[in-house]
Amino acid sequence: MRIYGGGCELFVKLVSANLKQPEKEVSAVLKLTTNQRSQVQLKQIICSKPTIVIVTLCLMSSPFAVRTSVEAVEEGMLLAPKFDAHGLIPVITTDAATGDVLMHAYMNEAALLKTLETGEAHYYSRSRQHLWHKGATSGLVQTVQQLLIDDDQDCLWMKVNVAGSGASCHVGYRSCFYRQIAPGEGDRLASGPVALTFTETNKTFNPVAVYGDAPNPTQL
């Protein structure tokens, strides 16, 4: 087998391949020395032995830098987010005015890019398995005022202004963290499940009226 490329020094990691099938296109991820992300298509052409595989490089500039060193990740000036094995990165969202924690969610690459593009919070719903524009149904859109990333770039902190009633919880409360757990009460741990105390007593909207029969994202 001979492979012809575009002349760039590159590292190829095949995502999937079945070179026994002619005209089979295969996607791959490249790490280039130019710190660009590229996608390569391999097309097998059966013409004579040995088989010739033609590599076509389709260079696309990426808004995310390649994670080349710890120093670059921790001290650098380029965004290089680390998504987990499921392609997700956690996000803590707080009220830009009060600093109160509103919610914890996840973004995939598409959600993060959409958030950067629009200035409005987009997340990835793990229960529904799709991109989620916060407030698209309820009207409680989150406008991003500041987006921060932690030292090793694997967690985001987003400060937002919320439209409408200012709520961010699908249950109807302003914050998803509407109950507290009392620490330092070890003597009660043996008496049964730990009790929760509500810190918010009134809902800001009726979730049934807003979401109707839509599936509840809370999973048992």
N, C-alpha and C. Protein backbone atom coordinates (compact mmCIF):
# COMPACT_ATOMS: atom_id res chain seq x y z
N MET A 1 0.85 -1.18 0.00
CA MET A 1 0.00 0.00 0.00
C MET A 1 0.89 1.24 0.00
N ARG A 2 0.57 2.17 -0.86
CA ARG A 2 1.28 3.45 -0.87
C ARG A 2 0.31 4.57 -0.52
N ILE A 3 0.75 5.51 0.32
CA ILE A 3 -0.11 6.62 0.72
C ILE A 3 0.52 7.92 0.26
N TYR A 4 -0.26 8.72 -0.47
CA TYR A 4 0.20 10.01 -0.94
C TYR A 4 -0.49 11.10 -0.12
N GLY A 5 0.27 12.04 0.41
CA GLY A 5 -0.29 13.10 1.23
C GLY A 5 0.01 14.46 0.65
N GLY A 6 -0.33 15.50 1.45
CA GLY A 6 -0.17 16.87 0.98
C GLY A 6 1.16 17.47 1.31
N GLY A 7 2.09 16.72 1.82
CA GLY A 7 3.41 17.24 2.09
C GLY A 7 3.59 17.83 3.48
N CYS A 8 2.53 17.83 4.32
CA CYS A 8 2.63 18.35 5.67
C CYS A 8 3.11 17.27 6.62
N GLU A 9 3.89 17.68 7.60
CA GLU A 9 4.24 16.74 8.66
C GLU A 9 3.01 16.58 9.54
N LEU A 10 2.53 15.38 9.71
CA LEU A 10 1.26 15.20 10.40
C LEU A 10 1.22 13.87 11.13
N PHE A 11 0.26 13.81 12.05
CA PHE A 11 -0.02 12.57 12.77
C PHE A 11 -1.45 12.18 12.44
N VAL A 12 -1.68 10.96 11.99
CA VAL A 12 -2.99 10.51 11.57
C VAL A 12 -3.50 9.45 12.54
N LYS A 13 -4.68 9.67 13.07
CA LYS A 13 -5.34 8.67 13.91
C LYS A 13 -6.64 8.30 13.23
N LEU A 14 -6.73 7.08 12.72
CA LEU A 14 -7.92 6.65 12.01
C LEU A 14 -9.06 6.43 12.99
N VAL A 15 -10.19 7.02 12.69
CA VAL A 15 -11.38 6.83 13.49
C VAL A 15 -12.08 5.53 13.10
N SER A 16 -12.18 5.30 11.81
CA SER A 16 -12.76 4.06 11.33
C SER A 16 -12.19 3.78 9.96
N ALA A 17 -12.08 2.52 9.63
CA ALA A 17 -11.51 2.19 8.34
C ALA A 17 -11.93 0.78 7.94
N ASN A 18 -12.20 0.63 6.67
CA ASN A 18 -12.44 -0.69 6.10
C ASN A 18 -11.90 -0.63 4.68
N LEU A 19 -10.62 -0.85 4.56
CA LEU A 19 -9.97 -0.67 3.28
C LEU A 19 -10.22 -1.81 2.31
N LYS A 20 -11.03 -2.79 2.72
CA LYS A 20 -11.38 -3.87 1.81
C LYS A 20 -12.51 -3.46 0.87
N GLN A 21 -13.20 -2.38 1.20
CA GLN A 21 -14.31 -1.92 0.38
C GLN A 21 -13.85 -0.78 -0.53
N PRO A 22 -13.95 -0.93 -1.84
CA PRO A 22 -13.57 0.15 -2.74
C PRO A 22 -14.49 1.35 -2.56
N GLU A 23 -13.93 2.53 -2.81
CA GLU A 23 -14.67 3.79 -2.72
C GLU A 23 -15.17 4.08 -1.30
N LYS A 24 -14.58 3.44 -0.29
CA LYS A 24 -14.97 3.69 1.10
C LYS A 24 -14.25 4.93 1.61
N GLU A 25 -15.02 5.93 2.05
CA GLU A 25 -14.42 7.15 2.59
C GLU A 25 -14.23 7.00 4.09
N VAL A 26 -13.07 7.40 4.55
CA VAL A 26 -12.72 7.25 5.96
C VAL A 26 -12.33 8.60 6.52
N SER A 27 -12.91 8.95 7.68
CA SER A 27 -12.54 10.20 8.34
C SER A 27 -11.39 9.96 9.30
N ALA A 28 -10.58 10.95 9.46
CA ALA A 28 -9.46 10.85 10.39
C ALA A 28 -9.21 12.21 11.02
N VAL A 29 -8.56 12.20 12.17
CA VAL A 29 -8.22 13.43 12.85
C VAL A 29 -6.72 13.64 12.75
N LEU A 30 -6.32 14.85 12.38
CA LEU A 30 -4.91 15.15 12.21
C LEU A 30 -4.45 16.17 13.24
N LYS A 31 -3.23 16.01 13.70
CA LYS A 31 -2.58 17.05 14.48
C LYS A 31 -1.42 17.57 13.64
N LEU A 32 -1.54 18.80 13.17
CA LEU A 32 -0.53 19.35 12.29
C LEU A 32 0.46 20.21 13.07
N THR A 33 1.65 20.36 12.52
CA THR A 33 2.65 21.18 13.16
C THR A 33 2.25 22.66 13.12
N THR A 34 1.29 23.02 12.28
CA THR A 34 0.82 24.40 12.18
C THR A 34 -0.26 24.71 13.21
N ASN A 35 -0.56 23.74 14.12
CA ASN A 35 -1.59 23.89 15.13
C ASN A 35 -2.97 24.11 14.52
N GLN A 36 -3.18 23.58 13.33
CA GLN A 36 -4.48 23.62 12.70
C GLN A 36 -5.11 22.25 12.81
N ARG A 37 -6.44 22.21 12.90
CA ARG A 37 -7.15 20.95 12.86
C ARG A 37 -7.54 20.69 11.42
N SER A 38 -7.35 19.48 10.99
CA SER A 38 -7.69 19.14 9.62
C SER A 38 -8.50 17.87 9.61
N GLN A 39 -9.20 17.69 8.56
CA GLN A 39 -9.92 16.45 8.36
C GLN A 39 -9.42 15.84 7.07
N VAL A 40 -9.20 14.57 7.10
CA VAL A 40 -8.66 13.91 5.93
C VAL A 40 -9.66 12.86 5.46
N GLN A 41 -9.77 12.75 4.17
CA GLN A 41 -10.59 11.71 3.58
C GLN A 41 -9.69 10.76 2.81
N LEU A 42 -9.82 9.50 3.14
CA LEU A 42 -9.06 8.47 2.44
C LEU A 42 -10.02 7.73 1.52
N LYS A 43 -9.70 7.69 0.26
CA LYS A 43 -10.54 6.97 -0.68
C LYS A 43 -9.69 5.90 -1.36
N GLN A 44 -10.15 4.70 -1.22
CA GLN A 44 -9.42 3.60 -1.82
C GLN A 44 -9.83 3.47 -3.29
N ILE A 45 -8.85 3.40 -4.11
CA ILE A 45 -9.11 3.22 -5.53
C ILE A 45 -8.45 1.91 -5.96
N ILE A 46 -9.27 0.97 -6.36
CA ILE A 46 -8.76 -0.32 -6.79
C ILE A 46 -8.41 -0.22 -8.28
N CYS A 47 -7.13 -0.21 -8.56
CA CYS A 47 -6.75 -0.12 -9.96
C CYS A 47 -5.78 -1.22 -10.33
N SER A 48 -4.82 -1.48 -9.47
CA SER A 48 -3.86 -2.54 -9.70
C SER A 48 -3.12 -2.75 -8.39
N LYS A 49 -2.42 -3.84 -8.27
CA LYS A 49 -1.63 -4.08 -7.09
C LYS A 49 -0.29 -3.36 -7.24
N PRO A 50 0.23 -2.75 -6.18
CA PRO A 50 -0.37 -2.59 -4.86
C PRO A 50 -1.50 -1.55 -4.87
N THR A 51 -2.38 -1.64 -3.91
CA THR A 51 -3.48 -0.69 -3.79
C THR A 51 -2.93 0.70 -3.48
N ILE A 52 -3.50 1.69 -4.09
CA ILE A 52 -3.09 3.08 -3.86
C ILE A 52 -4.18 3.79 -3.06
N VAL A 53 -3.83 4.35 -1.95
CA VAL A 53 -4.76 5.13 -1.15
C VAL A 53 -4.39 6.59 -1.29
N ILE A 54 -5.32 7.41 -1.77
CA ILE A 54 -5.08 8.83 -1.98
C ILE A 54 -5.58 9.60 -0.76
N VAL A 55 -4.73 10.43 -0.22
CA VAL A 55 -5.07 11.25 0.94
C VAL A 55 -5.31 12.68 0.48
N THR A 56 -6.52 13.19 0.73
CA THR A 56 -6.86 14.56 0.39
C THR A 56 -6.96 15.36 1.67
N LEU A 57 -6.18 16.42 1.79
CA LEU A 57 -6.19 17.25 2.98
C LEU A 57 -7.18 18.39 2.80
N CYS A 58 -8.09 18.55 3.77
CA CYS A 58 -9.04 19.64 3.76
C CYS A 58 -8.76 20.48 5.00
N LEU A 59 -7.91 21.49 4.89
CA LEU A 59 -7.50 22.27 6.04
C LEU A 59 -8.62 23.19 6.49
N MET A 60 -8.91 23.18 7.79
CA MET A 60 -9.92 24.05 8.36
C MET A 60 -9.33 24.68 9.62
N SER A 61 -9.31 26.00 9.68
CA SER A 61 -8.81 26.68 10.86
C SER A 61 -9.73 26.39 12.03
N SER A 62 -9.15 26.09 13.19
CA SER A 62 -9.95 25.75 14.37
C SER A 62 -9.88 26.86 15.39
N PRO A 63 -10.98 27.15 16.08
CA PRO A 63 -10.94 28.14 17.15
C PRO A 63 -10.28 27.61 18.41
N PHE A 64 -10.00 26.31 18.46
CA PHE A 64 -9.38 25.70 19.62
C PHE A 64 -7.94 25.32 19.31
N ALA A 65 -7.04 25.66 20.22
CA ALA A 65 -5.64 25.32 20.05
C ALA A 65 -5.41 23.86 20.41
N VAL A 66 -4.37 23.29 19.85
CA VAL A 66 -3.96 21.93 20.20
C VAL A 66 -3.25 21.96 21.55
N ARG A 67 -3.54 21.00 22.40
CA ARG A 67 -2.94 20.92 23.73
C ARG A 67 -1.55 20.29 23.62
N THR A 68 -0.56 21.13 23.39
CA THR A 68 0.79 20.64 23.11
C THR A 68 1.67 20.52 24.35
N SER A 69 1.39 21.31 25.39
CA SER A 69 2.20 21.25 26.60
C SER A 69 1.40 21.76 27.79
N VAL A 70 1.81 21.33 28.99
CA VAL A 70 1.15 21.78 30.21
C VAL A 70 1.30 23.29 30.35
N GLU A 71 2.49 23.80 30.05
CA GLU A 71 2.73 25.24 30.17
C GLU A 71 1.79 26.03 29.26
N ALA A 72 1.61 25.55 28.02
CA ALA A 72 0.74 26.24 27.08
C ALA A 72 -0.71 26.21 27.55
N VAL A 73 -1.13 25.08 28.12
CA VAL A 73 -2.51 24.95 28.61
C VAL A 73 -2.74 25.86 29.81
N GLU A 74 -1.79 25.89 30.75
CA GLU A 74 -1.98 26.62 32.01
C GLU A 74 -1.65 28.10 31.91
N GLU A 75 -0.67 28.46 31.08
CA GLU A 75 -0.19 29.84 31.05
C GLU A 75 -0.39 30.52 29.70
N GLY A 76 -0.86 29.75 28.72
CA GLY A 76 -0.96 30.28 27.37
C GLY A 76 -2.14 31.22 27.17
N MET A 77 -2.17 31.84 26.00
CA MET A 77 -3.20 32.82 25.65
C MET A 77 -4.20 32.27 24.64
N LEU A 78 -4.20 30.93 24.44
CA LEU A 78 -5.10 30.33 23.47
C LEU A 78 -6.04 29.34 24.15
N LEU A 79 -7.27 29.31 23.67
CA LEU A 79 -8.28 28.41 24.21
C LEU A 79 -8.01 26.99 23.71
N ALA A 80 -7.80 26.07 24.65
CA ALA A 80 -7.53 24.66 24.32
C ALA A 80 -8.34 23.77 25.26
N PRO A 81 -9.66 23.76 25.13
CA PRO A 81 -10.50 23.02 26.07
C PRO A 81 -10.28 21.52 26.00
N LYS A 82 -10.37 20.87 27.15
CA LYS A 82 -10.25 19.41 27.21
C LYS A 82 -11.62 18.81 27.43
N PHE A 83 -12.17 18.17 26.41
CA PHE A 83 -13.44 17.50 26.51
C PHE A 83 -13.21 16.07 27.04
N ASP A 84 -14.16 15.55 27.80
CA ASP A 84 -13.98 14.23 28.39
C ASP A 84 -14.20 13.12 27.34
N ALA A 85 -14.23 11.89 27.82
CA ALA A 85 -14.35 10.75 26.91
C ALA A 85 -15.66 10.77 26.14
N HIS A 86 -16.65 11.49 26.64
CA HIS A 86 -17.94 11.60 25.96
C HIS A 86 -18.05 12.88 25.13
N GLY A 87 -16.93 13.60 25.03
CA GLY A 87 -16.92 14.83 24.24
C GLY A 87 -17.55 16.01 24.95
N LEU A 88 -17.56 15.99 26.30
CA LEU A 88 -18.24 17.03 27.07
C LEU A 88 -17.28 17.76 28.00
N ILE A 89 -17.64 18.99 28.34
CA ILE A 89 -16.91 19.77 29.32
C ILE A 89 -17.93 20.38 30.27
N PRO A 90 -17.70 20.30 31.61
CA PRO A 90 -18.67 20.83 32.57
C PRO A 90 -18.68 22.36 32.59
N VAL A 91 -19.86 22.91 32.90
CA VAL A 91 -20.04 24.36 32.96
C VAL A 91 -20.78 24.73 34.24
N ILE A 92 -20.22 25.66 34.99
CA ILE A 92 -20.92 26.25 36.13
C ILE A 92 -21.43 27.62 35.67
N THR A 93 -22.73 27.85 35.81
CA THR A 93 -23.34 29.11 35.36
C THR A 93 -23.81 29.89 36.58
N THR A 94 -23.40 31.17 36.65
CA THR A 94 -23.77 32.02 37.78
C THR A 94 -24.42 33.30 37.28
N ASP A 95 -25.17 33.95 38.17
CA ASP A 95 -25.80 35.23 37.87
C ASP A 95 -24.71 36.31 37.85
N ALA A 96 -24.63 37.04 36.75
CA ALA A 96 -23.57 38.03 36.60
C ALA A 96 -23.69 39.16 37.61
N ALA A 97 -24.90 39.46 38.04
CA ALA A 97 -25.11 40.58 38.97
C ALA A 97 -24.89 40.19 40.43
N THR A 98 -25.38 39.01 40.82
CA THR A 98 -25.33 38.62 42.24
C THR A 98 -24.23 37.63 42.56
N GLY A 99 -23.75 36.90 41.56
CA GLY A 99 -22.76 35.87 41.79
C GLY A 99 -23.35 34.54 42.22
N ASP A 100 -24.67 34.48 42.36
CA ASP A 100 -25.32 33.24 42.77
C ASP A 100 -25.15 32.15 41.71
N VAL A 101 -24.92 30.93 42.17
CA VAL A 101 -24.84 29.80 41.25
C VAL A 101 -26.24 29.47 40.75
N LEU A 102 -26.40 29.41 39.44
CA LEU A 102 -27.70 29.12 38.84
C LEU A 102 -27.85 27.67 38.43
N MET A 103 -26.79 27.10 37.87
CA MET A 103 -26.92 25.74 37.36
C MET A 103 -25.56 25.15 37.04
N HIS A 104 -25.55 23.84 36.89
CA HIS A 104 -24.39 23.10 36.40
C HIS A 104 -24.85 22.27 35.21
N ALA A 105 -24.11 22.36 34.12
CA ALA A 105 -24.50 21.62 32.92
C ALA A 105 -23.23 21.25 32.16
N TYR A 106 -23.41 20.79 30.92
CA TYR A 106 -22.28 20.38 30.08
C TYR A 106 -22.41 21.01 28.70
N MET A 107 -21.28 21.21 28.07
CA MET A 107 -21.22 21.61 26.67
C MET A 107 -20.42 20.57 25.90
N ASN A 108 -20.82 20.33 24.67
CA ASN A 108 -19.91 19.64 23.75
C ASN A 108 -19.27 20.72 22.87
N GLU A 109 -18.49 20.31 21.92
CA GLU A 109 -17.78 21.29 21.09
C GLU A 109 -18.76 22.20 20.35
N ALA A 110 -19.83 21.62 19.83
CA ALA A 110 -20.81 22.41 19.08
C ALA A 110 -21.49 23.44 19.97
N ALA A 111 -21.81 23.06 21.21
CA ALA A 111 -22.47 23.97 22.14
C ALA A 111 -21.56 25.12 22.53
N LEU A 112 -20.29 24.81 22.76
CA LEU A 112 -19.33 25.86 23.11
C LEU A 112 -19.15 26.82 21.95
N LEU A 113 -19.03 26.30 20.75
CA LEU A 113 -18.88 27.16 19.58
C LEU A 113 -20.11 28.03 19.37
N LYS A 114 -21.29 27.46 19.59
CA LYS A 114 -22.53 28.21 19.41
C LYS A 114 -22.64 29.31 20.46
N THR A 115 -22.20 29.02 21.67
CA THR A 115 -22.20 30.03 22.73
C THR A 115 -21.26 31.17 22.37
N LEU A 116 -20.08 30.85 21.88
CA LEU A 116 -19.12 31.88 21.48
C LEU A 116 -19.64 32.69 20.29
N GLU A 117 -20.32 32.03 19.39
CA GLU A 117 -20.83 32.69 18.18
C GLU A 117 -21.98 33.64 18.49
N THR A 118 -22.91 33.22 19.36
CA THR A 118 -24.14 33.98 19.57
C THR A 118 -24.12 34.85 20.82
N GLY A 119 -23.28 34.52 21.79
CA GLY A 119 -23.29 35.25 23.05
C GLY A 119 -24.42 34.81 23.97
N GLU A 120 -25.12 33.75 23.59
CA GLU A 120 -26.17 33.18 24.42
C GLU A 120 -25.81 31.74 24.78
N ALA A 121 -26.20 31.33 25.98
CA ALA A 121 -25.78 30.02 26.49
C ALA A 121 -26.42 28.88 25.72
N HIS A 122 -25.56 27.99 25.24
CA HIS A 122 -25.99 26.74 24.62
C HIS A 122 -25.30 25.61 25.38
N TYR A 123 -26.03 24.55 25.64
CA TYR A 123 -25.50 23.40 26.35
C TYR A 123 -25.77 22.13 25.54
N TYR A 124 -25.23 21.02 26.05
CA TYR A 124 -25.56 19.72 25.47
C TYR A 124 -26.37 18.95 26.49
N SER A 125 -27.57 18.54 26.12
CA SER A 125 -28.44 17.77 27.02
C SER A 125 -28.06 16.30 26.97
N ARG A 126 -27.60 15.77 28.08
CA ARG A 126 -27.23 14.35 28.12
C ARG A 126 -28.46 13.45 28.12
N SER A 127 -29.56 13.92 28.69
CA SER A 127 -30.77 13.11 28.72
C SER A 127 -31.46 13.06 27.36
N ARG A 128 -31.43 14.19 26.64
CA ARG A 128 -32.09 14.24 25.34
C ARG A 128 -31.12 14.02 24.18
N GLN A 129 -29.82 14.05 24.50
CA GLN A 129 -28.79 13.76 23.49
C GLN A 129 -28.82 14.73 22.32
N HIS A 130 -28.95 16.02 22.63
CA HIS A 130 -28.86 17.00 21.55
C HIS A 130 -28.50 18.38 22.09
N LEU A 131 -28.14 19.28 21.18
CA LEU A 131 -27.79 20.64 21.52
C LEU A 131 -28.99 21.35 22.12
N TRP A 132 -28.74 22.19 23.09
CA TRP A 132 -29.81 22.80 23.88
C TRP A 132 -29.53 24.30 24.03
N HIS A 133 -30.38 25.12 23.39
CA HIS A 133 -30.30 26.57 23.54
C HIS A 133 -31.11 26.95 24.76
N LYS A 134 -30.45 27.35 25.82
CA LYS A 134 -31.14 27.65 27.07
C LYS A 134 -32.14 28.79 26.87
N GLY A 135 -33.40 28.52 27.21
CA GLY A 135 -34.43 29.54 27.09
C GLY A 135 -35.20 29.51 25.79
N ALA A 136 -34.86 28.59 24.90
CA ALA A 136 -35.54 28.53 23.60
C ALA A 136 -37.03 28.22 23.78
N THR A 137 -37.36 27.41 24.79
CA THR A 137 -38.76 27.08 25.07
C THR A 137 -39.37 28.00 26.11
N SER A 138 -38.64 28.27 27.18
CA SER A 138 -39.18 29.04 28.31
C SER A 138 -39.07 30.55 28.13
N GLY A 139 -38.20 30.99 27.23
CA GLY A 139 -37.93 32.41 27.10
C GLY A 139 -36.87 32.92 28.07
N LEU A 140 -36.38 32.05 28.95
CA LEU A 140 -35.39 32.42 29.95
C LEU A 140 -33.98 32.31 29.37
N VAL A 141 -33.73 33.07 28.34
CA VAL A 141 -32.45 33.04 27.64
C VAL A 141 -31.35 33.59 28.53
N GLN A 142 -30.20 32.94 28.50
CA GLN A 142 -29.04 33.39 29.27
C GLN A 142 -28.07 34.11 28.34
N THR A 143 -27.90 35.42 28.57
CA THR A 143 -26.94 36.20 27.80
C THR A 143 -25.61 36.22 28.53
N VAL A 144 -24.57 35.78 27.87
CA VAL A 144 -23.26 35.61 28.51
C VAL A 144 -22.58 36.97 28.70
N GLN A 145 -22.20 37.25 29.93
CA GLN A 145 -21.45 38.46 30.25
C GLN A 145 -19.95 38.19 30.37
N GLN A 146 -19.62 37.00 30.83
CA GLN A 146 -18.20 36.62 30.95
C GLN A 146 -18.12 35.10 30.94
N LEU A 147 -17.12 34.61 30.24
CA LEU A 147 -16.88 33.16 30.17
C LEU A 147 -15.44 32.90 30.56
N LEU A 148 -15.26 32.13 31.62
CA LEU A 148 -13.91 31.82 32.12
C LEU A 148 -13.67 30.33 32.02
N ILE A 149 -12.39 29.97 31.98
CA ILE A 149 -11.99 28.56 31.95
C ILE A 149 -10.93 28.34 33.01
N ASP A 150 -10.91 27.15 33.63
CA ASP A 150 -10.00 26.91 34.75
C ASP A 150 -8.59 26.63 34.28
N ASP A 151 -7.70 26.34 35.26
CA ASP A 151 -6.26 26.25 34.98
C ASP A 151 -5.90 25.21 33.94
N ASP A 152 -6.49 24.01 34.03
CA ASP A 152 -6.15 22.98 33.05
C ASP A 152 -7.17 22.89 31.91
N GLN A 153 -8.03 23.89 31.84
CA GLN A 153 -8.97 24.06 30.72
C GLN A 153 -9.89 22.85 30.53
N ASP A 154 -10.41 22.34 31.66
CA ASP A 154 -11.38 21.24 31.54
C ASP A 154 -12.69 21.55 32.26
N CYS A 155 -12.90 22.83 32.62
CA CYS A 155 -14.15 23.25 33.25
C CYS A 155 -14.38 24.73 32.95
N LEU A 156 -15.65 25.09 32.67
CA LEU A 156 -16.00 26.46 32.33
C LEU A 156 -16.83 27.10 33.43
N TRP A 157 -16.68 28.42 33.56
CA TRP A 157 -17.50 29.22 34.48
C TRP A 157 -18.11 30.34 33.65
N MET A 158 -19.43 30.35 33.58
CA MET A 158 -20.13 31.31 32.73
C MET A 158 -21.00 32.23 33.58
N LYS A 159 -20.79 33.53 33.44
CA LYS A 159 -21.59 34.53 34.15
C LYS A 159 -22.60 35.10 33.16
N VAL A 160 -23.89 35.06 33.56
CA VAL A 160 -24.95 35.39 32.61
C VAL A 160 -25.98 36.34 33.22
N ASN A 161 -26.70 37.03 32.34
CA ASN A 161 -27.94 37.70 32.68
C ASN A 161 -29.07 36.85 32.11
N VAL A 162 -30.10 36.63 32.90
CA VAL A 162 -31.20 35.76 32.48
C VAL A 162 -32.43 36.60 32.16
N ALA A 163 -33.04 36.34 31.03
CA ALA A 163 -34.23 37.08 30.61
C ALA A 163 -35.44 36.65 31.44
N GLY A 164 -36.52 37.37 31.27
CA GLY A 164 -37.78 37.01 31.92
C GLY A 164 -37.71 37.08 33.43
N SER A 165 -38.15 36.03 34.10
CA SER A 165 -38.19 36.00 35.57
C SER A 165 -36.81 35.83 36.18
N GLY A 166 -35.81 35.52 35.35
CA GLY A 166 -34.45 35.33 35.86
C GLY A 166 -34.17 33.92 36.32
N ALA A 167 -35.11 33.01 36.10
CA ALA A 167 -34.94 31.63 36.57
C ALA A 167 -34.10 30.82 35.58
N SER A 168 -33.40 29.83 36.12
CA SER A 168 -32.61 28.93 35.28
C SER A 168 -32.92 27.46 35.53
N CYS A 169 -33.82 27.17 36.47
CA CYS A 169 -34.12 25.80 36.84
C CYS A 169 -35.40 25.32 36.18
N HIS A 170 -35.36 24.13 35.58
CA HIS A 170 -36.54 23.62 34.89
C HIS A 170 -37.67 23.25 35.85
N VAL A 171 -37.34 23.16 37.16
CA VAL A 171 -38.37 22.86 38.17
C VAL A 171 -39.19 24.11 38.48
N GLY A 172 -38.65 25.28 38.12
CA GLY A 172 -39.36 26.54 38.32
C GLY A 172 -38.67 27.50 39.26
N TYR A 173 -37.64 27.03 39.94
CA TYR A 173 -36.91 27.90 40.87
C TYR A 173 -35.89 28.75 40.11
N ARG A 174 -35.42 29.80 40.78
CA ARG A 174 -34.44 30.69 40.16
C ARG A 174 -33.12 29.96 39.91
N SER A 175 -32.66 29.20 40.90
CA SER A 175 -31.42 28.45 40.80
C SER A 175 -31.73 26.96 40.87
N CYS A 176 -30.93 26.16 40.19
CA CYS A 176 -31.07 24.71 40.30
C CYS A 176 -30.64 24.23 41.68
N PHE A 177 -29.88 25.06 42.41
CA PHE A 177 -29.42 24.71 43.75
C PHE A 177 -30.34 25.37 44.77
N TYR A 178 -31.56 24.84 44.88
CA TYR A 178 -32.58 25.45 45.74
C TYR A 178 -32.77 24.70 47.05
N ARG A 179 -31.91 23.73 47.34
CA ARG A 179 -31.95 23.03 48.62
C ARG A 179 -30.53 22.94 49.18
N GLN A 180 -30.44 22.94 50.49
CA GLN A 180 -29.13 22.87 51.13
C GLN A 180 -29.01 21.63 52.00
N ILE A 181 -27.75 21.22 52.22
CA ILE A 181 -27.40 20.08 53.05
C ILE A 181 -26.61 20.60 54.24
N ALA A 182 -27.00 20.23 55.43
CA ALA A 182 -26.31 20.72 56.62
C ALA A 182 -25.06 19.89 56.89
N PRO A 183 -23.85 20.51 56.82
CA PRO A 183 -22.63 19.76 57.14
C PRO A 183 -22.39 19.71 58.64
N GLY A 184 -21.47 18.87 59.06
CA GLY A 184 -21.07 18.83 60.47
C GLY A 184 -22.07 18.19 61.39
N GLU A 185 -22.94 17.34 60.85
CA GLU A 185 -23.92 16.67 61.71
C GLU A 185 -23.76 15.16 61.57
N GLY A 186 -22.56 14.69 61.87
CA GLY A 186 -22.22 13.29 61.71
C GLY A 186 -23.05 12.35 62.56
N ASP A 187 -23.56 12.84 63.69
CA ASP A 187 -24.34 11.98 64.57
C ASP A 187 -25.68 11.60 63.95
N ARG A 188 -26.10 12.31 62.93
CA ARG A 188 -27.39 12.03 62.30
C ARG A 188 -27.27 11.08 61.10
N LEU A 189 -26.06 10.80 60.67
CA LEU A 189 -25.87 10.00 59.46
C LEU A 189 -26.38 8.58 59.62
N ALA A 190 -26.37 8.06 60.82
CA ALA A 190 -26.79 6.68 61.05
C ALA A 190 -28.30 6.54 61.22
N SER A 191 -29.01 7.67 61.25
CA SER A 191 -30.45 7.61 61.53
C SER A 191 -31.30 7.57 60.26
N GLY A 192 -30.66 7.55 59.09
CA GLY A 192 -31.43 7.49 57.84
C GLY A 192 -30.91 8.51 56.84
N PRO A 193 -31.63 8.66 55.73
CA PRO A 193 -31.19 9.59 54.68
C PRO A 193 -31.03 11.01 55.22
N VAL A 194 -30.04 11.69 54.72
CA VAL A 194 -29.76 13.08 55.13
C VAL A 194 -30.89 13.98 54.66
N ALA A 195 -31.34 14.87 55.52
CA ALA A 195 -32.45 15.78 55.21
C ALA A 195 -31.97 16.97 54.39
N LEU A 196 -32.86 17.46 53.54
CA LEU A 196 -32.61 18.66 52.75
C LEU A 196 -33.52 19.79 53.23
N THR A 197 -33.01 21.02 53.15
CA THR A 197 -33.79 22.20 53.52
C THR A 197 -33.89 23.13 52.33
N PHE A 198 -35.07 23.60 52.01
CA PHE A 198 -35.26 24.50 50.87
C PHE A 198 -34.72 25.88 51.20
N THR A 199 -33.95 26.43 50.26
CA THR A 199 -33.48 27.80 50.37
C THR A 199 -34.32 28.75 49.53
N GLU A 200 -35.06 28.19 48.58
CA GLU A 200 -36.04 28.97 47.81
C GLU A 200 -37.41 28.36 48.09
N THR A 201 -38.36 29.20 48.46
CA THR A 201 -39.68 28.69 48.82
C THR A 201 -40.72 28.91 47.73
N ASN A 202 -40.46 29.85 46.82
CA ASN A 202 -41.42 30.17 45.77
C ASN A 202 -40.82 29.94 44.40
N LYS A 203 -41.59 29.32 43.53
CA LYS A 203 -41.16 29.14 42.14
C LYS A 203 -41.43 30.41 41.35
N THR A 204 -40.57 30.68 40.37
CA THR A 204 -40.73 31.89 39.58
C THR A 204 -41.63 31.69 38.37
N PHE A 205 -41.90 30.41 38.02
CA PHE A 205 -42.83 30.12 36.93
C PHE A 205 -43.37 28.70 37.11
N ASN A 206 -44.45 28.42 36.41
CA ASN A 206 -45.08 27.11 36.47
C ASN A 206 -44.48 26.24 35.37
N PRO A 207 -43.68 25.23 35.71
CA PRO A 207 -43.03 24.41 34.68
C PRO A 207 -44.00 23.66 33.79
N VAL A 208 -45.15 23.26 34.33
CA VAL A 208 -46.14 22.55 33.52
C VAL A 208 -46.70 23.46 32.44
N ALA A 209 -46.95 24.73 32.81
CA ALA A 209 -47.48 25.68 31.84
C ALA A 209 -46.45 26.02 30.77
N VAL A 210 -45.17 26.02 31.14
CA VAL A 210 -44.11 26.40 30.20
C VAL A 210 -43.70 25.23 29.31
N TYR A 211 -43.48 24.06 29.91
CA TYR A 211 -42.92 22.92 29.16
C TYR A 211 -43.98 21.91 28.71
N GLY A 212 -45.17 21.99 29.28
CA GLY A 212 -46.23 21.07 28.87
C GLY A 212 -45.85 19.62 29.10
N ASP A 213 -46.00 18.81 28.06
CA ASP A 213 -45.73 17.38 28.15
C ASP A 213 -44.32 17.00 27.75
N ALA A 214 -43.43 17.98 27.65
CA ALA A 214 -42.04 17.68 27.29
C ALA A 214 -41.41 16.77 28.34
N PRO A 215 -40.54 15.82 27.94
CA PRO A 215 -39.94 14.89 28.89
C PRO A 215 -39.11 15.65 29.95
N ASN A 216 -39.22 15.20 31.18
CA ASN A 216 -38.43 15.79 32.26
C ASN A 216 -36.98 15.35 32.12
N PRO A 217 -36.03 16.29 32.12
CA PRO A 217 -34.62 15.90 31.94
C PRO A 217 -34.01 15.18 33.13
N THR A 218 -34.67 15.23 34.30
CA THR A 218 -34.14 14.53 35.47
C THR A 218 -34.24 13.02 35.28
N GLN A 219 -33.12 12.34 35.46
CA GLN A 219 -33.06 10.89 35.29
C GLN A 219 -32.96 10.21 36.64
N LEU A 220 -33.72 9.11 36.84
CA LEU A 220 -33.64 8.34 38.08
C LEU A 220 -32.46 7.36 38.03
